[in-house]
Amino acid sequence: MAQRRPAPEEVQPKSFAFNAANQKWVAGQVAKYPAGRQASAVIPLLWQAQKQAGGWVPRKAIEHVGDLLGMPHIRVLEVATFYTMFNLE
């Protein structure tokens, strides 16, 4: 199986945050899960981040999703690299 890695640092944006409309959408997605299970929203949040970022998931988006869900960044990176639906470059 081929290794999937984030894009090189020189093409990574310096920051990422969901826009106002997506913040509202994210809150609705996270609210669907019971307390303590919000990490289950990682896939829809990464998908939304990919859409907002123009078709790929930057490293800062992975970190932002992890921060929103209270997950270690490496766990979110594991999800993003495992599922081929996420474009890392």
PDB file of N, CA and C in Angstrom:
ATOM      1  N   MET A   1       0.845  -1.178   0.000  1.00  0.00           N
ATOM      2  CA  MET A   1       0.000   0.000   0.000  1.00  0.00           C
ATOM      3  C   MET A   1       0.892   1.243   0.000  1.00  0.00           C
ATOM      4  N   ALA A   2       0.547   2.201  -0.785  1.00  0.00           N
ATOM      5  CA  ALA A   2       1.320   3.431  -0.875  1.00  0.00           C
ATOM      6  C   ALA A   2       1.152   4.267   0.386  1.00  0.00           C
ATOM      7  N   GLN A   3       2.218   4.943   0.755  1.00  0.00           N
ATOM      8  CA  GLN A   3       2.138   5.835   1.910  1.00  0.00           C
ATOM      9  C   GLN A   3       1.446   7.131   1.515  1.00  0.00           C
ATOM     10  N   ARG A   4       0.604   7.597   2.409  1.00  0.00           N
ATOM     11  CA  ARG A   4      -0.092   8.861   2.169  1.00  0.00           C
ATOM     12  C   ARG A   4       0.406   9.851   3.193  1.00  0.00           C
ATOM     13  N   ARG A   5       0.937  10.952   2.727  1.00  0.00           N
ATOM     14  CA  ARG A   5       1.512  11.959   3.613  1.00  0.00           C
ATOM     15  C   ARG A   5       0.955  13.335   3.269  1.00  0.00           C
ATOM     16  N   PRO A   6       0.977  14.231   4.253  1.00  0.00           N
ATOM     17  CA  PRO A   6       0.551  15.609   3.971  1.00  0.00           C
ATOM     18  C   PRO A   6       1.475  16.259   2.942  1.00  0.00           C
ATOM     19  N   ALA A   7       0.973  17.276   2.297  1.00  0.00           N
ATOM     20  CA  ALA A   7       1.746  18.034   1.306  1.00  0.00           C
ATOM     21  C   ALA A   7       2.984  18.636   1.966  1.00  0.00           C
ATOM     22  N   PRO A   8       3.996  18.950   1.169  1.00  0.00           N
ATOM     23  CA  PRO A   8       5.215  19.572   1.720  1.00  0.00           C
ATOM     24  C   PRO A   8       4.908  20.890   2.446  1.00  0.00           C
ATOM     25  N   GLU A   9       5.763  21.230   3.383  1.00  0.00           N
ATOM     26  CA  GLU A   9       5.567  22.432   4.203  1.00  0.00           C
ATOM     27  C   GLU A   9       5.442  23.705   3.376  1.00  0.00           C
ATOM     28  N   GLU A  10       6.152  23.793   2.257  1.00  0.00           N
ATOM     29  CA  GLU A  10       6.133  25.032   1.476  1.00  0.00           C
ATOM     30  C   GLU A  10       4.775  25.336   0.844  1.00  0.00           C
ATOM     31  N   VAL A  11       3.894  24.351   0.736  1.00  0.00           N
ATOM     32  CA  VAL A  11       2.558  24.599   0.180  1.00  0.00           C
ATOM     33  C   VAL A  11       1.469  24.618   1.255  1.00  0.00           C
ATOM     34  N   GLN A  12       1.851  24.342   2.493  1.00  0.00           N
ATOM     35  CA  GLN A  12       0.883  24.328   3.586  1.00  0.00           C
ATOM     36  C   GLN A  12       0.523  25.762   3.978  1.00  0.00           C
ATOM     37  N   PRO A  13      -0.765  26.052   4.221  1.00  0.00           N
ATOM     38  CA  PRO A  13      -1.140  27.385   4.708  1.00  0.00           C
ATOM     39  C   PRO A  13      -0.655  27.576   6.148  1.00  0.00           C
ATOM     40  N   LYS A  14      -0.503  28.816   6.544  1.00  0.00           N
ATOM     41  CA  LYS A  14      -0.017  29.137   7.893  1.00  0.00           C
ATOM     42  C   LYS A  14      -1.082  28.917   8.964  1.00  0.00           C
ATOM     43  N   SER A  15      -2.357  28.937   8.556  1.00  0.00           N
ATOM     44  CA  SER A  15      -3.439  28.753   9.527  1.00  0.00           C
ATOM     45  C   SER A  15      -4.675  28.197   8.818  1.00  0.00           C
ATOM     46  N   PHE A  16      -5.610  27.724   9.632  1.00  0.00           N
ATOM     47  CA  PHE A  16      -6.895  27.255   9.124  1.00  0.00           C
ATOM     48  C   PHE A  16      -7.913  27.427  10.234  1.00  0.00           C
ATOM     49  N   ALA A  17      -9.078  27.892   9.869  1.00  0.00           N
ATOM     50  CA  ALA A  17     -10.223  27.962  10.780  1.00  0.00           C
ATOM     51  C   ALA A  17     -11.473  27.864   9.920  1.00  0.00           C
ATOM     52  N   PHE A  18     -12.496  27.222  10.446  1.00  0.00           N
ATOM     53  CA  PHE A  18     -13.756  27.155   9.718  1.00  0.00           C
ATOM     54  C   PHE A  18     -14.364  28.546   9.620  1.00  0.00           C
ATOM     55  N   ASN A  19     -14.958  28.846   8.461  1.00  0.00           N
ATOM     56  CA  ASN A  19     -15.649  30.127   8.313  1.00  0.00           C
ATOM     57  C   ASN A  19     -16.943  30.091   9.142  1.00  0.00           C
ATOM     58  N   ALA A  20     -17.633  31.202   9.217  1.00  0.00           N
ATOM     59  CA  ALA A  20     -18.813  31.316  10.088  1.00  0.00           C
ATOM     60  C   ALA A  20     -19.892  30.290   9.748  1.00  0.00           C
ATOM     61  N   ALA A  21     -20.166  30.105   8.456  1.00  0.00           N
ATOM     62  CA  ALA A  21     -21.190  29.133   8.064  1.00  0.00           C
ATOM     63  C   ALA A  21     -20.767  27.718   8.448  1.00  0.00           C
ATOM     64  N   ASN A  22     -19.518  27.404   8.232  1.00  0.00           N
ATOM     65  CA  ASN A  22     -19.036  26.061   8.574  1.00  0.00           C
ATOM     66  C   ASN A  22     -18.946  25.848  10.078  1.00  0.00           C
ATOM     67  N   GLN A  23     -18.673  26.906  10.840  1.00  0.00           N
ATOM     68  CA  GLN A  23     -18.664  26.770  12.297  1.00  0.00           C
ATOM     69  C   GLN A  23     -20.036  26.339  12.801  1.00  0.00           C
ATOM     70  N   LYS A  24     -21.070  26.921  12.232  1.00  0.00           N
ATOM     71  CA  LYS A  24     -22.440  26.550  12.613  1.00  0.00           C
ATOM     72  C   LYS A  24     -22.707  25.099  12.221  1.00  0.00           C
ATOM     73  N   TRP A  25     -22.282  24.714  11.024  1.00  0.00           N
ATOM     74  CA  TRP A  25     -22.462  23.336  10.553  1.00  0.00           C
ATOM     75  C   TRP A  25     -21.709  22.367  11.455  1.00  0.00           C
ATOM     76  N   VAL A  26     -20.472  22.712  11.817  1.00  0.00           N
ATOM     77  CA  VAL A  26     -19.644  21.869  12.689  1.00  0.00           C
ATOM     78  C   VAL A  26     -20.327  21.669  14.037  1.00  0.00           C
ATOM     79  N   ALA A  27     -20.855  22.744  14.611  1.00  0.00           N
ATOM     80  CA  ALA A  27     -21.543  22.637  15.907  1.00  0.00           C
ATOM     81  C   ALA A  27     -22.713  21.666  15.815  1.00  0.00           C
ATOM     82  N   GLY A  28     -23.444  21.709  14.708  1.00  0.00           N
ATOM     83  CA  GLY A  28     -24.563  20.782  14.511  1.00  0.00           C
ATOM     84  C   GLY A  28     -24.105  19.341  14.394  1.00  0.00           C
ATOM     85  N   GLN A  29     -22.993  19.133  13.707  1.00  0.00           N
ATOM     86  CA  GLN A  29     -22.470  17.764  13.567  1.00  0.00           C
ATOM     87  C   GLN A  29     -21.998  17.213  14.903  1.00  0.00           C
ATOM     88  N   VAL A  30     -21.252  18.008  15.645  1.00  0.00           N
ATOM     89  CA  VAL A  30     -20.719  17.556  16.933  1.00  0.00           C
ATOM     90  C   VAL A  30     -21.864  17.286  17.908  1.00  0.00           C
ATOM     91  N   ALA A  31     -22.928  18.069  17.831  1.00  0.00           N
ATOM     92  CA  ALA A  31     -24.077  17.900  18.737  1.00  0.00           C
ATOM     93  C   ALA A  31     -24.807  16.576  18.513  1.00  0.00           C
ATOM     94  N   LYS A  32     -24.603  15.940  17.380  1.00  0.00           N
ATOM     95  CA  LYS A  32     -25.269  14.660  17.092  1.00  0.00           C
ATOM     96  C   LYS A  32     -24.732  13.516  17.949  1.00  0.00           C
ATOM     97  N   TYR A  33     -23.551  13.706  18.541  1.00  0.00           N
ATOM     98  CA  TYR A  33     -22.904  12.632  19.280  1.00  0.00           C
ATOM     99  C   TYR A  33     -23.034  12.867  20.773  1.00  0.00           C
ATOM    100  N   PRO A  34     -23.190  11.788  21.549  1.00  0.00           N
ATOM    101  CA  PRO A  34     -23.339  11.946  22.996  1.00  0.00           C
ATOM    102  C   PRO A  34     -22.041  12.453  23.639  1.00  0.00           C
ATOM    103  N   ALA A  35     -22.170  12.991  24.822  1.00  0.00           N
ATOM    104  CA  ALA A  35     -21.007  13.496  25.553  1.00  0.00           C
ATOM    105  C   ALA A  35     -19.936  12.424  25.646  1.00  0.00           C
ATOM    106  N   GLY A  36     -18.714  12.821  25.400  1.00  0.00           N
ATOM    107  CA  GLY A  36     -17.600  11.884  25.447  1.00  0.00           C
ATOM    108  C   GLY A  36     -17.354  11.153  24.143  1.00  0.00           C
ATOM    109  N   ARG A  37     -18.239  11.311  23.174  1.00  0.00           N
ATOM    110  CA  ARG A  37     -18.121  10.618  21.884  1.00  0.00           C
ATOM    111  C   ARG A  37     -17.995  11.589  20.709  1.00  0.00           C
ATOM    112  N   GLN A  38     -17.654  12.841  20.996  1.00  0.00           N
ATOM    113  CA  GLN A  38     -17.571  13.846  19.944  1.00  0.00           C
ATOM    114  C   GLN A  38     -16.500  13.521  18.909  1.00  0.00           C
ATOM    115  N   ALA A  39     -15.498  12.735  19.276  1.00  0.00           N
ATOM    116  CA  ALA A  39     -14.442  12.360  18.335  1.00  0.00           C
ATOM    117  C   ALA A  39     -15.005  11.578  17.148  1.00  0.00           C
ATOM    118  N   SER A  40     -16.187  11.037  17.293  1.00  0.00           N
ATOM    119  CA  SER A  40     -16.832  10.315  16.194  1.00  0.00           C
ATOM    120  C   SER A  40     -17.165  11.233  15.027  1.00  0.00           C
ATOM    121  N   ALA A  41     -17.143  12.537  15.256  1.00  0.00           N
ATOM    122  CA  ALA A  41     -17.440  13.502  14.194  1.00  0.00           C
ATOM    123  C   ALA A  41     -16.213  13.824  13.344  1.00  0.00           C
ATOM    124  N   VAL A  42     -15.112  13.134  13.558  1.00  0.00           N
ATOM    125  CA  VAL A  42     -13.867  13.471  12.873  1.00  0.00           C
ATOM    126  C   VAL A  42     -13.996  13.380  11.351  1.00  0.00           C
ATOM    127  N   ILE A  43     -14.661  12.362  10.831  1.00  0.00           N
ATOM    128  CA  ILE A  43     -14.756  12.206   9.378  1.00  0.00           C
ATOM    129  C   ILE A  43     -15.593  13.321   8.747  1.00  0.00           C
ATOM    130  N   PRO A  44     -16.789  13.621   9.244  1.00  0.00           N
ATOM    131  CA  PRO A  44     -17.515  14.733   8.620  1.00  0.00           C
ATOM    132  C   PRO A  44     -16.788  16.076   8.745  1.00  0.00           C
ATOM    133  N   LEU A  45     -16.090  16.307   9.856  1.00  0.00           N
ATOM    134  CA  LEU A  45     -15.376  17.570  10.010  1.00  0.00           C
ATOM    135  C   LEU A  45     -14.191  17.659   9.051  1.00  0.00           C
ATOM    136  N   LEU A  46     -13.475  16.562   8.867  1.00  0.00           N
ATOM    137  CA  LEU A  46     -12.383  16.570   7.891  1.00  0.00           C
ATOM    138  C   LEU A  46     -12.920  16.785   6.475  1.00  0.00           C
ATOM    139  N   TRP A  47     -14.057  16.177   6.191  1.00  0.00           N
ATOM    140  CA  TRP A  47     -14.662  16.341   4.861  1.00  0.00           C
ATOM    141  C   TRP A  47     -15.033  17.807   4.618  1.00  0.00           C
ATOM    142  N   GLN A  48     -15.615  18.443   5.633  1.00  0.00           N
ATOM    143  CA  GLN A  48     -15.978  19.853   5.506  1.00  0.00           C
ATOM    144  C   GLN A  48     -14.728  20.725   5.386  1.00  0.00           C
ATOM    145  N   ALA A  49     -13.696  20.393   6.127  1.00  0.00           N
ATOM    146  CA  ALA A  49     -12.438  21.142   6.033  1.00  0.00           C
ATOM    147  C   ALA A  49     -11.850  21.014   4.634  1.00  0.00           C
ATOM    148  N   GLN A  50     -11.934  19.829   4.064  1.00  0.00           N
ATOM    149  CA  GLN A  50     -11.426  19.618   2.704  1.00  0.00           C
ATOM    150  C   GLN A  50     -12.199  20.474   1.702  1.00  0.00           C
ATOM    151  N   LYS A  51     -13.517  20.527   1.862  1.00  0.00           N
ATOM    152  CA  LYS A  51     -14.323  21.362   0.961  1.00  0.00           C
ATOM    153  C   LYS A  51     -13.957  22.835   1.100  1.00  0.00           C
ATOM    154  N   GLN A  52     -13.813  23.297   2.338  1.00  0.00           N
ATOM    155  CA  GLN A  52     -13.488  24.706   2.562  1.00  0.00           C
ATOM    156  C   GLN A  52     -12.098  25.047   2.041  1.00  0.00           C
ATOM    157  N   ALA A  53     -11.173  24.121   2.142  1.00  0.00           N
ATOM    158  CA  ALA A  53      -9.780  24.386   1.736  1.00  0.00           C
ATOM    159  C   ALA A  53      -9.573  24.258   0.232  1.00  0.00           C
ATOM    160  N   GLY A  54     -10.607  23.965  -0.508  1.00  0.00           N
ATOM    161  CA  GLY A  54     -10.472  23.902  -1.958  1.00  0.00           C
ATOM    162  C   GLY A  54     -10.135  22.530  -2.505  1.00  0.00           C
ATOM    163  N   GLY A  55     -10.499  21.486  -1.775  1.00  0.00           N
ATOM    164  CA  GLY A  55     -10.330  20.139  -2.308  1.00  0.00           C
ATOM    165  C   GLY A  55      -9.202  19.329  -1.693  1.00  0.00           C
ATOM    166  N   TRP A  56      -8.546  19.860  -0.668  1.00  0.00           N
ATOM    167  CA  TRP A  56      -7.509  19.090   0.029  1.00  0.00           C
ATOM    168  C   TRP A  56      -7.517  19.455   1.502  1.00  0.00           C
ATOM    169  N   VAL A  57      -6.877  18.622   2.323  1.00  0.00           N
ATOM    170  CA  VAL A  57      -6.865  18.827   3.773  1.00  0.00           C
ATOM    171  C   VAL A  57      -5.455  19.250   4.199  1.00  0.00           C
ATOM    172  N   PRO A  58      -5.259  20.534   4.481  1.00  0.00           N
ATOM    173  CA  PRO A  58      -3.954  20.987   4.958  1.00  0.00           C
ATOM    174  C   PRO A  58      -3.676  20.501   6.385  1.00  0.00           C
ATOM    175  N   ARG A  59      -2.416  20.493   6.748  1.00  0.00           N
ATOM    176  CA  ARG A  59      -2.011  20.074   8.094  1.00  0.00           C
ATOM    177  C   ARG A  59      -2.691  20.930   9.169  1.00  0.00           C
ATOM    178  N   LYS A  60      -2.816  22.243   8.939  1.00  0.00           N
ATOM    179  CA  LYS A  60      -3.459  23.127   9.924  1.00  0.00           C
ATOM    180  C   LYS A  60      -4.938  22.789  10.093  1.00  0.00           C
ATOM    181  N   ALA A  61      -5.584  22.293   9.047  1.00  0.00           N
ATOM    182  CA  ALA A  61      -6.986  21.872   9.161  1.00  0.00           C
ATOM    183  C   ALA A  61      -7.082  20.625  10.030  1.00  0.00           C
ATOM    184  N   ILE A  62      -6.139  19.714   9.859  1.00  0.00           N
ATOM    185  CA  ILE A  62      -6.099  18.497  10.682  1.00  0.00           C
ATOM    186  C   ILE A  62      -5.935  18.889  12.153  1.00  0.00           C
ATOM    187  N   GLU A  63      -5.041  19.819  12.424  1.00  0.00           N
ATOM    188  CA  GLU A  63      -4.823  20.272  13.798  1.00  0.00           C
ATOM    189  C   GLU A  63      -6.059  20.986  14.342  1.00  0.00           C
ATOM    190  N   HIS A  64      -6.710  21.788  13.509  1.00  0.00           N
ATOM    191  CA  HIS A  64      -7.906  22.516  13.936  1.00  0.00           C
ATOM    192  C   HIS A  64      -9.040  21.543  14.289  1.00  0.00           C
ATOM    193  N   VAL A  65      -9.239  20.540  13.469  1.00  0.00           N
ATOM    194  CA  VAL A  65     -10.276  19.536  13.748  1.00  0.00           C
ATOM    195  C   VAL A  65      -9.950  18.812  15.053  1.00  0.00           C
ATOM    196  N   GLY A  66      -8.693  18.459  15.251  1.00  0.00           N
ATOM    197  CA  GLY A  66      -8.295  17.811  16.500  1.00  0.00           C
ATOM    198  C   GLY A  66      -8.579  18.680  17.713  1.00  0.00           C
ATOM    199  N   ASP A  67      -8.266  19.965  17.596  1.00  0.00           N
ATOM    200  CA  ASP A  67      -8.521  20.883  18.707  1.00  0.00           C
ATOM    201  C   ASP A  67     -10.018  21.006  18.997  1.00  0.00           C
ATOM    202  N   LEU A  68     -10.831  21.087  17.949  1.00  0.00           N
ATOM    203  CA  LEU A  68     -12.286  21.194  18.139  1.00  0.00           C
ATOM    204  C   LEU A  68     -12.869  19.968  18.835  1.00  0.00           C
ATOM    205  N   LEU A  69     -12.315  18.808  18.517  1.00  0.00           N
ATOM    206  CA  LEU A  69     -12.867  17.554  19.049  1.00  0.00           C
ATOM    207  C   LEU A  69     -12.137  17.050  20.290  1.00  0.00           C
ATOM    208  N   GLY A  70     -11.117  17.764  20.712  1.00  0.00           N
ATOM    209  CA  GLY A  70     -10.356  17.320  21.881  1.00  0.00           C
ATOM    210  C   GLY A  70      -9.575  16.052  21.608  1.00  0.00           C
ATOM    211  N   MET A  71      -9.109  15.913  20.382  1.00  0.00           N
ATOM    212  CA  MET A  71      -8.347  14.724  19.972  1.00  0.00           C
ATOM    213  C   MET A  71      -6.888  15.106  19.741  1.00  0.00           C
ATOM    214  N   PRO A  72      -5.960  14.188  20.017  1.00  0.00           N
ATOM    215  CA  PRO A  72      -4.575  14.453  19.638  1.00  0.00           C
ATOM    216  C   PRO A  72      -4.475  14.603  18.116  1.00  0.00           C
ATOM    217  N   HIS A  73      -3.636  15.514  17.675  1.00  0.00           N
ATOM    218  CA  HIS A  73      -3.495  15.764  16.237  1.00  0.00           C
ATOM    219  C   HIS A  73      -3.111  14.495  15.477  1.00  0.00           C
ATOM    220  N   ILE A  74      -2.295  13.664  16.071  1.00  0.00           N
ATOM    221  CA  ILE A  74      -1.857  12.440  15.390  1.00  0.00           C
ATOM    222  C   ILE A  74      -3.035  11.512  15.107  1.00  0.00           C
ATOM    223  N   ARG A  75      -4.014  11.479  15.983  1.00  0.00           N
ATOM    224  CA  ARG A  75      -5.205  10.630  15.754  1.00  0.00           C
ATOM    225  C   ARG A  75      -5.987  11.116  14.544  1.00  0.00           C
ATOM    226  N   VAL A  76      -6.116  12.433  14.410  1.00  0.00           N
ATOM    227  CA  VAL A  76      -6.826  12.997  13.260  1.00  0.00           C
ATOM    228  C   VAL A  76      -6.013  12.741  11.989  1.00  0.00           C
ATOM    229  N   LEU A  77      -4.699  12.876  12.080  1.00  0.00           N
ATOM    230  CA  LEU A  77      -3.835  12.586  10.936  1.00  0.00           C
ATOM    231  C   LEU A  77      -3.961  11.126  10.524  1.00  0.00           C
ATOM    232  N   GLU A  78      -4.074  10.221  11.484  1.00  0.00           N
ATOM    233  CA  GLU A  78      -4.259   8.797  11.170  1.00  0.00           C
ATOM    234  C   GLU A  78      -5.527   8.584  10.351  1.00  0.00           C
ATOM    235  N   VAL A  79      -6.606   9.241  10.729  1.00  0.00           N
ATOM    236  CA  VAL A  79      -7.866   9.120   9.995  1.00  0.00           C
ATOM    237  C   VAL A  79      -7.702   9.688   8.588  1.00  0.00           C
ATOM    238  N   ALA A  80      -7.105  10.877   8.502  1.00  0.00           N
ATOM    239  CA  ALA A  80      -6.950  11.549   7.206  1.00  0.00           C
ATOM    240  C   ALA A  80      -6.068  10.753   6.247  1.00  0.00           C
ATOM    241  N   THR A  81      -5.055  10.081   6.773  1.00  0.00           N
ATOM    242  CA  THR A  81      -4.168   9.312   5.895  1.00  0.00           C
ATOM    243  C   THR A  81      -4.736   7.932   5.580  1.00  0.00           C
ATOM    244  N   PHE A  82      -5.611   7.422   6.415  1.00  0.00           N
ATOM    245  CA  PHE A  82      -6.183   6.088   6.174  1.00  0.00           C
ATOM    246  C   PHE A  82      -7.236   6.118   5.075  1.00  0.00           C
ATOM    247  N   TYR A  83      -8.125   7.091   5.129  1.00  0.00           N
ATOM    248  CA  TYR A  83      -9.231   7.143   4.172  1.00  0.00           C
ATOM    249  C   TYR A  83      -8.819   7.893   2.911  1.00  0.00           C
ATOM    250  N   THR A  84      -8.944   7.241   1.772  1.00  0.00           N
ATOM    251  CA  THR A  84      -8.518   7.843   0.518  1.00  0.00           C
ATOM    252  C   THR A  84      -9.474   8.941   0.035  1.00  0.00           C
ATOM    253  N   MET A  85     -10.581   9.127   0.712  1.00  0.00           N
ATOM    254  CA  MET A  85     -11.498  10.217   0.352  1.00  0.00           C
ATOM    255  C   MET A  85     -10.913  11.578   0.705  1.00  0.00           C
ATOM    256  N   PHE A  86      -9.872  11.578   1.525  1.00  0.00           N
ATOM    257  CA  PHE A  86      -9.226  12.829   1.914  1.00  0.00           C
ATOM    258  C   PHE A  86      -7.972  13.038   1.074  1.00  0.00           C
ATOM    259  N   ASN A  87      -7.919  14.179   0.406  1.00  0.00           N
ATOM    260  CA  ASN A  87      -6.770  14.546  -0.405  1.00  0.00           C
ATOM    261  C   ASN A  87      -5.808  15.332   0.460  1.00  0.00           C
ATOM    262  N   LEU A  88      -4.595  14.866   0.567  1.00  0.00           N
ATOM    263  CA  LEU A  88      -3.621  15.502   1.447  1.00  0.00           C
ATOM    264  C   LEU A  88      -2.711  16.486   0.745  1.00  0.00           C
ATOM    265  N   GLU A  89      -2.861  16.601  -0.576  1.00  0.00           N
ATOM    266  CA  GLU A  89      -2.098  17.594  -1.339  1.00  0.00           C
ATOM    267  C   GLU A  89      -2.942  18.178  -2.429  1.00  0.00           C
TER     268      GLU A  89
END
